[in-house]
Amino acid sequence: MKWFVIGGFFLCVLYVHFRGRVRHRFLRQLGDHSTVLAPLNTFMFLTSRVPNQPYHPVERFPELQVLQDNWQLIRDEALDLLRAGQIKKAAEHNDAGFNSFFKSGWKRFYLKWYGDSHPSAMQLCPQTTGLLRGIGTVKAAMFAELPPGSRLVRHRDPYGGSLRYHLGLATPNDPRCFIEVDGQRYHWRDGQAVVFDETFIHYAENTTEQDRIILFCDIERPLRYRWAGAFNRWISGTLLASAASPNDASDRTGGLNRAFRHLYRIRQRGKALKKRNRFRYYLEQWLLLAALIGVVIWI
C-alpha cells in the first residue's frame, strides 16, 4: 500500500508536469508548490466539466456578464482606491499567496477571499462588492495593479479548483501589456474579459508607460459530479480561506498568513542563499525532499 501511494503521487506529479505545452524544467517542477498539491489537482482536472485548455470562452460563465455590464462602475471604484493610495497600502501586508509578486511592482486590494467580502472593501467599494455578492461562483476577487515596467515571472498557481477571470478596467489597451498562458498571449482591454486556467504556466508583463488595473477573480471550476463540487468547496473553504490577507486592520487574517509572518523569514533566507549560491540552494532543497521521501518510506 505504501509503494502504491508513493507511485500514485509521482504519477500525479508527472501528469501535472506534462499537462500543457509550456513546462518548467523537471527539477524546478519537483520543488514547485504545485507538486505538493499534484494529487488533489489531478482529481480536479480529471473531474472537470471544462476542457483541458489554457483559455475558456467567457460565455461559458453567463453569471459573470453582470460584471462586464457594470465595468465602468467597477472601474470608478478601483480608480478612487488607486488615487487614495489604498491599493499600495493594502500590498504592504504579508500575503502568503502573492507576496513574491510585490517585488515586481504588482499590487492588489482584496474585495473578498474564499468567504464574505472584506469589511474594508464593503466600506470603500460598496458597488463592486454588492455585484460580487450576487455571484456564487466567484470565490475570491481583488483589484490588481501592474505598473509600467512590471513583469511577473513564469509560474503555476498551486490549486486547480478554480479558474481565473480578468476584467479590464483601466489598461493601456496595448499588446505590450499582456498575459501569456501556456504560450498563448492575451492583452487586456478596457471593458473586456478573459477566463483562463491559472494552473498552466503563465506570466504577465507591462512594457508600456501606462498603469494597468483589472478586476481579478477566482471562479469555481465546474466539475462533473455534485460530490466532487462539494469536496472542492470544502477544500476552498478550509485550505484556501486560511490564506486570507487583510487590506487594513478591520479585515481578518487567516491562519496560514499568521504563520507566514514567521515562515517568511525562512523564505527570505532561502532567497538570499539562492542569490549567493544557487548550487547550495538547490542542494539543500533536494536534501530536504530526499529526507521527506525517506521518512515516508520508513513509515
Protein backbone atom coordinates (compact mmCIF):
# COMPACT_ATOMS: atom_id res chain seq x y z
CA MET A 1 0.00 0.00 0.00
CA LYS A 2 2.84 2.40 0.88
CA TRP A 3 4.51 1.94 -2.52
CA PHE A 4 1.14 2.26 -4.23
CA VAL A 5 0.63 5.66 -2.57
CA ILE A 6 4.16 6.84 -3.43
CA GLY A 7 3.83 5.64 -7.02
CA GLY A 8 0.42 7.31 -7.36
CA PHE A 9 1.84 10.58 -6.06
CA PHE A 10 4.65 10.62 -8.63
CA LEU A 11 2.24 9.71 -11.45
CA CYS A 12 0.19 12.78 -10.46
CA VAL A 13 3.35 14.92 -10.47
CA LEU A 14 4.18 13.71 -13.98
CA TYR A 15 0.62 14.43 -15.13
CA VAL A 16 0.81 18.00 -13.81
CA HIS A 17 4.27 18.48 -15.32
CA PHE A 18 3.38 17.30 -18.82
CA ARG A 19 -0.04 18.97 -18.91
CA GLY A 20 0.25 21.83 -21.38
CA ARG A 21 2.86 22.78 -23.96
CA VAL A 22 4.98 25.01 -21.70
CA ARG A 23 6.71 23.33 -18.77
CA HIS A 24 9.15 24.11 -16.01
CA ARG A 25 12.41 22.24 -16.04
CA PHE A 26 11.67 18.97 -14.27
CA LEU A 27 13.96 19.73 -11.33
CA ARG A 28 12.19 23.02 -10.76
CA GLN A 29 8.81 21.31 -11.04
CA LEU A 30 9.78 18.90 -8.25
CA GLY A 31 10.38 21.86 -5.93
CA ASP A 32 7.30 23.79 -7.04
CA HIS A 33 4.26 24.19 -4.77
CA SER A 34 2.04 22.68 -7.49
CA THR A 35 3.89 19.40 -6.94
CA VAL A 36 2.73 19.20 -3.32
CA LEU A 37 -0.90 19.55 -4.47
CA ALA A 38 -0.49 17.36 -7.57
CA PRO A 39 -2.82 14.52 -6.38
CA LEU A 40 -5.54 16.99 -5.44
CA ASN A 41 -5.17 18.92 -8.71
CA THR A 42 -5.17 15.72 -10.78
CA PHE A 43 -8.55 14.91 -9.23
CA MET A 44 -9.83 18.38 -10.18
CA PHE A 45 -8.56 18.11 -13.76
CA LEU A 46 -9.98 14.60 -14.32
CA THR A 47 -13.44 15.51 -12.99
CA SER A 48 -13.56 18.94 -14.68
CA ARG A 49 -16.51 19.81 -16.95
CA VAL A 50 -14.38 22.30 -18.89
CA PRO A 51 -11.76 21.00 -21.34
CA ASN A 52 -8.05 20.82 -20.65
CA GLN A 53 -7.02 24.09 -22.34
CA PRO A 54 -5.44 27.42 -21.32
CA TYR A 55 -8.35 29.74 -22.19
CA HIS A 56 -12.11 29.29 -21.96
CA PRO A 57 -14.92 31.28 -23.58
CA VAL A 58 -16.29 33.90 -21.21
CA GLU A 59 -19.76 32.97 -22.49
CA ARG A 60 -19.34 29.63 -20.70
CA PHE A 61 -19.94 31.58 -17.47
CA PRO A 62 -23.07 33.70 -18.07
CA GLU A 63 -23.33 34.66 -14.38
CA LEU A 64 -20.24 36.87 -14.85
CA GLN A 65 -21.88 39.03 -17.53
CA VAL A 66 -23.17 41.41 -14.84
CA LEU A 67 -19.57 42.37 -14.08
CA GLN A 68 -18.83 43.23 -17.70
CA ASP A 69 -22.13 45.13 -17.97
CA ASN A 70 -21.05 47.29 -15.00
CA TRP A 71 -17.34 47.55 -15.77
CA GLN A 72 -17.31 51.37 -15.76
CA LEU A 73 -18.89 51.50 -12.29
CA ILE A 74 -16.32 48.94 -11.07
CA ARG A 75 -13.52 50.91 -12.75
CA ASP A 76 -14.52 54.13 -10.99
CA GLU A 77 -14.27 52.48 -7.56
CA ALA A 78 -10.89 50.95 -8.47
CA LEU A 79 -9.50 54.30 -9.64
CA ASP A 80 -10.76 56.01 -6.48
CA LEU A 81 -8.78 53.43 -4.46
CA LEU A 82 -5.71 53.96 -6.62
CA ARG A 83 -5.79 57.75 -6.24
CA ALA A 84 -6.25 57.42 -2.47
CA GLY A 85 -3.22 55.13 -2.22
CA GLN A 86 -5.31 52.26 -0.84
CA ILE A 87 -4.07 49.64 -3.32
CA LYS A 88 -0.44 50.41 -2.48
CA LYS A 89 -1.23 50.45 1.25
CA ALA A 90 -3.02 47.08 1.09
CA ALA A 91 0.01 45.47 -0.57
CA GLU A 92 2.14 46.30 2.49
CA HIS A 93 0.56 43.37 4.39
CA ASN A 94 2.21 39.95 4.36
CA ASP A 95 0.47 37.73 1.84
CA ALA A 96 1.30 34.02 1.55
CA GLY A 97 -0.35 33.78 -1.87
CA PHE A 98 1.03 36.81 -3.67
CA ASN A 99 3.93 38.19 -1.61
CA SER A 100 6.57 37.19 -4.15
CA PHE A 101 4.92 39.37 -6.83
CA PHE A 102 5.18 42.57 -4.81
CA LYS A 103 8.89 42.98 -5.58
CA SER A 104 7.96 43.15 -9.31
CA GLY A 105 5.61 46.08 -8.69
CA TRP A 106 2.36 44.10 -8.74
CA LYS A 107 -0.16 45.28 -6.13
CA ARG A 108 -3.63 44.22 -5.05
CA PHE A 109 -6.63 45.26 -2.97
CA TYR A 110 -8.78 42.35 -1.80
CA LEU A 111 -12.53 42.53 -2.32
CA LYS A 112 -13.20 39.03 -0.96
CA TRP A 113 -11.22 35.86 -0.32
CA TYR A 114 -12.99 32.48 -0.04
CA GLY A 115 -15.64 33.82 2.27
CA ASP A 116 -17.55 37.05 2.68
CA SER A 117 -16.31 40.40 1.37
CA HIS A 118 -13.55 42.17 3.30
CA PRO A 119 -15.06 44.85 5.60
CA SER A 120 -12.62 47.42 4.17
CA ALA A 121 -13.83 46.59 0.65
CA MET A 122 -17.51 46.84 1.61
CA GLN A 123 -16.81 50.31 3.00
CA LEU A 124 -14.66 51.60 0.13
CA CYS A 125 -16.15 49.66 -2.80
CA PRO A 126 -19.85 49.10 -1.98
CA GLN A 127 -20.99 48.84 -5.62
CA THR A 128 -18.38 46.26 -6.64
CA THR A 129 -18.75 44.12 -3.51
CA GLY A 130 -22.54 44.24 -3.96
CA LEU A 131 -22.22 42.88 -7.50
CA LEU A 132 -19.80 40.15 -6.41
CA ARG A 133 -22.03 39.08 -3.54
CA GLY A 134 -24.69 38.12 -6.07
CA ILE A 135 -22.41 35.68 -7.95
CA GLY A 136 -21.97 32.45 -6.02
CA THR A 137 -19.24 31.04 -8.28
CA VAL A 138 -16.87 33.94 -7.51
CA LYS A 139 -14.79 32.69 -4.58
CA ALA A 140 -12.14 35.41 -4.46
CA ALA A 141 -11.79 38.85 -6.01
CA MET A 142 -9.42 41.78 -5.95
CA PHE A 143 -8.31 44.84 -7.86
CA ALA A 144 -4.87 44.10 -9.31
CA GLU A 145 -2.40 46.75 -10.49
CA LEU A 146 0.50 46.11 -12.87
CA PRO A 147 2.51 49.36 -13.14
CA PRO A 148 4.70 50.30 -16.13
CA GLY A 149 7.82 48.15 -16.34
CA SER A 150 6.43 45.34 -14.18
CA ARG A 151 6.87 41.68 -15.04
CA LEU A 152 5.59 38.60 -13.23
CA VAL A 153 7.77 35.52 -13.66
CA ARG A 154 6.57 32.24 -15.15
CA HIS A 155 4.62 30.24 -12.58
CA ARG A 156 1.73 27.89 -11.95
CA ASP A 157 -0.88 28.71 -9.36
CA PRO A 158 -0.92 25.88 -6.81
CA TYR A 159 -4.62 24.88 -6.66
CA GLY A 160 -6.71 23.55 -9.57
CA GLY A 161 -10.17 24.00 -8.06
CA SER A 162 -10.73 27.38 -9.71
CA LEU A 163 -10.36 29.26 -12.98
CA ARG A 164 -9.19 32.85 -13.31
CA TYR A 165 -11.31 35.76 -14.58
CA HIS A 166 -9.79 39.09 -15.59
CA LEU A 167 -11.88 42.14 -16.50
CA GLY A 168 -10.01 45.09 -17.97
CA LEU A 169 -10.79 48.35 -16.14
CA ALA A 170 -8.06 50.91 -16.87
CA THR A 171 -5.49 49.33 -19.17
CA PRO A 172 -3.02 50.51 -21.80
CA ASN A 173 -5.15 48.70 -24.45
CA ASP A 174 -1.83 47.74 -25.95
CA PRO A 175 -0.31 44.34 -26.93
CA ARG A 176 2.79 45.28 -24.91
CA CYS A 177 0.74 44.84 -21.73
CA PHE A 178 -0.21 41.18 -21.76
CA ILE A 179 -0.53 37.82 -20.08
CA GLU A 180 0.76 34.64 -21.69
CA VAL A 181 -0.82 31.31 -20.66
CA ASP A 182 0.77 28.09 -21.91
CA GLY A 183 2.40 30.04 -24.74
CA GLN A 184 -0.80 31.83 -25.84
CA ARG A 185 -0.82 35.60 -25.40
CA TYR A 186 -3.73 37.90 -24.50
CA HIS A 187 -3.58 41.66 -23.91
CA TRP A 188 -6.04 43.40 -21.62
CA ARG A 189 -8.57 45.91 -22.96
CA ASP A 190 -10.94 48.19 -21.12
CA GLY A 191 -14.34 46.59 -20.57
CA GLN A 192 -13.31 43.19 -21.96
CA ALA A 193 -12.99 39.95 -20.01
CA VAL A 194 -10.99 36.74 -20.30
CA VAL A 195 -11.15 33.39 -18.48
CA PHE A 196 -8.08 31.16 -18.25
CA ASP A 197 -6.73 28.21 -16.30
CA GLU A 198 -4.10 29.55 -13.90
CA THR A 199 -2.62 26.08 -13.31
CA PHE A 200 -0.99 26.27 -16.74
CA ILE A 201 2.36 28.08 -16.69
CA HIS A 202 1.77 31.77 -17.26
CA TYR A 203 3.43 35.15 -16.85
CA ALA A 204 2.47 38.81 -17.31
CA GLU A 205 4.30 41.91 -18.46
CA ASN A 206 3.62 45.63 -18.88
CA THR A 207 6.26 47.34 -21.02
CA THR A 208 4.08 50.38 -21.73
CA GLU A 209 4.21 53.70 -19.88
CA GLN A 210 0.65 53.36 -18.58
CA ASP A 211 -0.66 51.59 -15.48
CA ARG A 212 -2.93 48.55 -15.74
CA ILE A 213 -5.87 47.97 -13.37
CA ILE A 214 -8.11 44.91 -13.66
CA LEU A 215 -10.76 43.08 -11.67
CA PHE A 216 -9.18 39.72 -10.82
CA CYS A 217 -11.44 36.83 -9.70
CA ASP A 218 -11.16 33.16 -8.83
CA ILE A 219 -14.27 31.37 -10.08
CA GLU A 220 -15.22 27.86 -9.05
CA ARG A 221 -14.13 25.23 -11.57
CA PRO A 222 -17.21 23.40 -12.91
CA LEU A 223 -16.93 19.68 -12.04
CA ARG A 224 -18.87 16.71 -13.43
CA TYR A 225 -20.21 15.39 -10.15
CA ARG A 226 -22.04 17.03 -7.26
CA TRP A 227 -19.91 15.26 -4.68
CA ALA A 228 -16.74 16.47 -6.42
CA GLY A 229 -18.06 20.04 -6.37
CA ALA A 230 -18.90 19.74 -2.67
CA PHE A 231 -15.39 18.43 -1.98
CA ASN A 232 -13.88 21.34 -3.93
CA ARG A 233 -15.93 23.84 -1.91
CA TRP A 234 -14.85 22.18 1.33
CA ILE A 235 -11.16 22.41 0.36
CA SER A 236 -11.63 26.05 -0.71
CA GLY A 237 -13.43 26.93 2.50
CA THR A 238 -10.71 25.44 4.71
CA LEU A 239 -7.32 25.39 3.00
CA LEU A 240 -7.64 28.49 0.81
CA ALA A 241 -9.66 30.51 3.30
CA SER A 242 -6.75 30.16 5.74
CA ALA A 243 -4.65 32.26 3.33
CA ALA A 244 -6.87 35.32 3.81
CA SER A 245 -4.85 38.54 3.88
CA PRO A 246 -6.14 41.92 5.10
CA ASN A 247 -6.23 45.30 3.39
CA ASP A 248 -6.21 47.01 6.79
CA ALA A 249 -6.78 46.30 10.48
CA SER A 250 -10.54 45.82 10.01
CA ASP A 251 -10.06 42.68 7.90
CA ARG A 252 -9.47 39.09 9.03
CA THR A 253 -6.06 37.46 8.70
CA GLY A 254 -6.17 33.70 8.01
CA GLY A 255 -4.15 31.18 9.99
CA LEU A 256 -1.82 30.45 7.10
CA ASN A 257 -0.98 34.14 6.76
CA ARG A 258 -0.42 34.48 10.50
CA ALA A 259 2.09 31.63 10.24
CA PHE A 260 3.55 33.20 7.09
CA ARG A 261 4.81 36.17 9.11
CA HIS A 262 7.27 33.77 10.77
CA LEU A 263 7.87 31.43 7.82
CA TYR A 264 8.71 34.40 5.61
CA ARG A 265 12.00 34.78 7.49
CA ILE A 266 12.95 31.27 6.33
CA ARG A 267 11.87 32.17 2.82
CA GLN A 268 13.98 35.32 2.86
CA ARG A 269 16.97 33.25 3.97
CA GLY A 270 16.35 30.89 1.04
CA LYS A 271 16.15 33.76 -1.45
CA ALA A 272 19.40 35.23 -0.14
CA LEU A 273 21.10 31.84 -0.39
CA LYS A 274 19.83 31.35 -3.95
CA LYS A 275 21.29 34.71 -4.91
CA ARG A 276 24.68 33.88 -3.34
CA ASN A 277 25.00 30.21 -4.21
CA ARG A 278 22.41 28.59 -6.49
CA PHE A 279 24.11 25.17 -6.25
CA ARG A 280 23.87 25.11 -2.45
CA TYR A 281 20.27 26.40 -2.59
CA TYR A 282 19.12 23.56 -4.84
CA LEU A 283 21.26 21.02 -2.96
CA GLU A 284 19.51 21.89 0.30
CA GLN A 285 16.13 21.74 -1.45
CA TRP A 286 16.92 18.29 -2.82
CA LEU A 287 18.24 17.04 0.52
CA LEU A 288 15.04 18.18 2.23
CA LEU A 289 12.92 16.44 -0.42
CA ALA A 290 15.00 13.27 -0.10
CA ALA A 291 14.61 13.37 3.68
CA LEU A 292 10.83 13.68 3.38
CA ILE A 293 10.68 10.77 0.93
CA GLY A 294 12.89 8.75 3.28
CA VAL A 295 10.54 9.40 6.19
CA VAL A 296 7.53 8.31 4.11
CA ILE A 297 9.29 5.12 3.01
CA TRP A 298 10.46 4.34 6.55
CA ILE A 299 6.95 4.81 7.95
